[in-house]
Amino acid sequence: MKIVKGGIALVVLFFTWCFLFWITGDRTPWQFFSHKNTEGVEVYLGDIPIQNYDRMGFTRGVVRYVAKNNSWIVGTERGELFCFDGKGKQVWKRSLGIGKLVTIALSKKEDLVYVGEQSPTGQLFAVDSNTGDMVWKYAAKALVGADPGSRSYPSVVHIAVDNEDNVYITAYRYLLNQDGSRGYNGKICSFSRDGAVNWQFPEKEVMDTWVNWCDVSNSAGEVVVATSAYETRPGMKYPKTMYFLNMKTGKLRHSLSLPVVVPFENTVMRGSPNYSSDGKYLAGSSSDGRAFFLNSGGEVLWTRELSLPQQVEGAWLNASGRDGFVVPEGVVFTTINTFNRENWQLPTPVLHPGNNSLFLFDFMGNFKYKYKADGTMEEIAFAKGIVACAIGRNVRTHDYKLAHGAILIKLSDGSLLKRFPTEGPVQAIDISQDGKHIGGIEAPAVTPEGKVIGAYRFHIWQYE
């Protein structure tokens, strides 16, 4: 009798698993649904390869808050796009392909979500935010090519949207030449809301540099493009730091080369610059640790050193600058981990004092404050008077208890308002405009000791 009951239980369990797998598409569906903890709501996002804690290219995810219905759009490394309600319940799910989802933006009415991936074709997707239905897609392979045989995949690395719902993307592909040198194919492309190509820059060729960022301003009538190639080569056609394009036509208005500092070969911007809301100014930070404040004409109004490269025991150390934003309280910049210039994977004898920090300057360039976190400022998002920060890994201290999580900082004075701790590093974040709803993506990692920490989870936190 016990054998019969056991067999029936196994059959029921098997069909239950089949049903849940059909609903979720996940091999461990019992972990998939949301549950509450003392700090908020967690949603398991599925199985992914767990990366080494110290590696440079780490687990990603993208998230945006949808104000019209208090929901969250979440994209994963598995090529899956989700919509969760404010309590973490899944509203819809869309499997977009085999690529990693690496960038996201919403239309102005929040009815469309634009998502970029890295894959053999490098798709840009436009998805209905209410239903998850595909509206249109475009393959960046047509812009920058692809070479799957050498794992040289196109990627839509950043998306910007203007007030008329035109979409602007930066697409690039990494190349490894036969002589061992590195190269890049880069392209900027503008689309209408319906997916028609408005223009490409350059029109008939690719940029021979890494393009990682763009921003658009209707007030300025411009798109700014930042380049990210750490090495320059003789004969490069696009060696400059920033290119300013007419947002309607894609024609080049002017370009700018920022001065280089020792020991770097080039000035690199990977996560900025961004326009002010009125389009009159831009803020950006470079990987050598400098902060820049410019007008829309490309004139540098002031420069500040966030983390000046220092030589210690024969090694050049710096903490890379990444973000730059103009907000009502002033100009915000961030830095990330301390790195060894010779090889980012090598250890460093000391931590740079300017690493893993958020800085605020007034509009004249006067220093207001610095907030130093215990891990990398992976992403920041703004609400009224608040900045939300995703705190990821500290590859130097390996602080697994204090570093990881999300924090809320008061913009006016840099004081810590709230910390939401997580086991694994938080890689992406967004916040509602009223500052009450925060969403973050946690990633798992394998420590140097071989311990697995964290999980691939989406968190929803509340702040009152």
Foldseek 3Di string as FASTA:
>chain_A
DVVVVVVVVVVVVVVVQVVQCVVPVANPSVQAAWDADPFFIKGFDHDDDFAAQQDDDHFFKEKDADPVQQWMWIFGQQQKIFIAHLRRGTPDIDRRDRWGWAEWDAFPNRQWIWIWTWDQFTKIWIAGNNYRHTQDMDTCCVVFNGDVVVPFTKIFQYWEAENQGKIKTKIKTWDQDPVRDIWMFIKIWIAHNNGHTQAIVPGPGTQGFAWADWYDAPLLQWIKTATAHQDDDPPHPDQAGIWIARNRRRHTDDTHHDDDDPPTPGWGAHADWYAANNQQWTWTFTQQAKIFIGGNVRHTLDMDGLFHWDADPNWTKTWTKYYWYQDPLAIKTATFWIATPVDRSDADPDTGPRHQWMWGAHHNGHGQDIDHAPHTQQDWEDAVQKIKTFFAHHSHPRPQWRGAFMWIAGSNHRDTDDTDHARHGWRYKYADNNRFKIKTFGDWHQYPVGDITGRGMITIGGDD
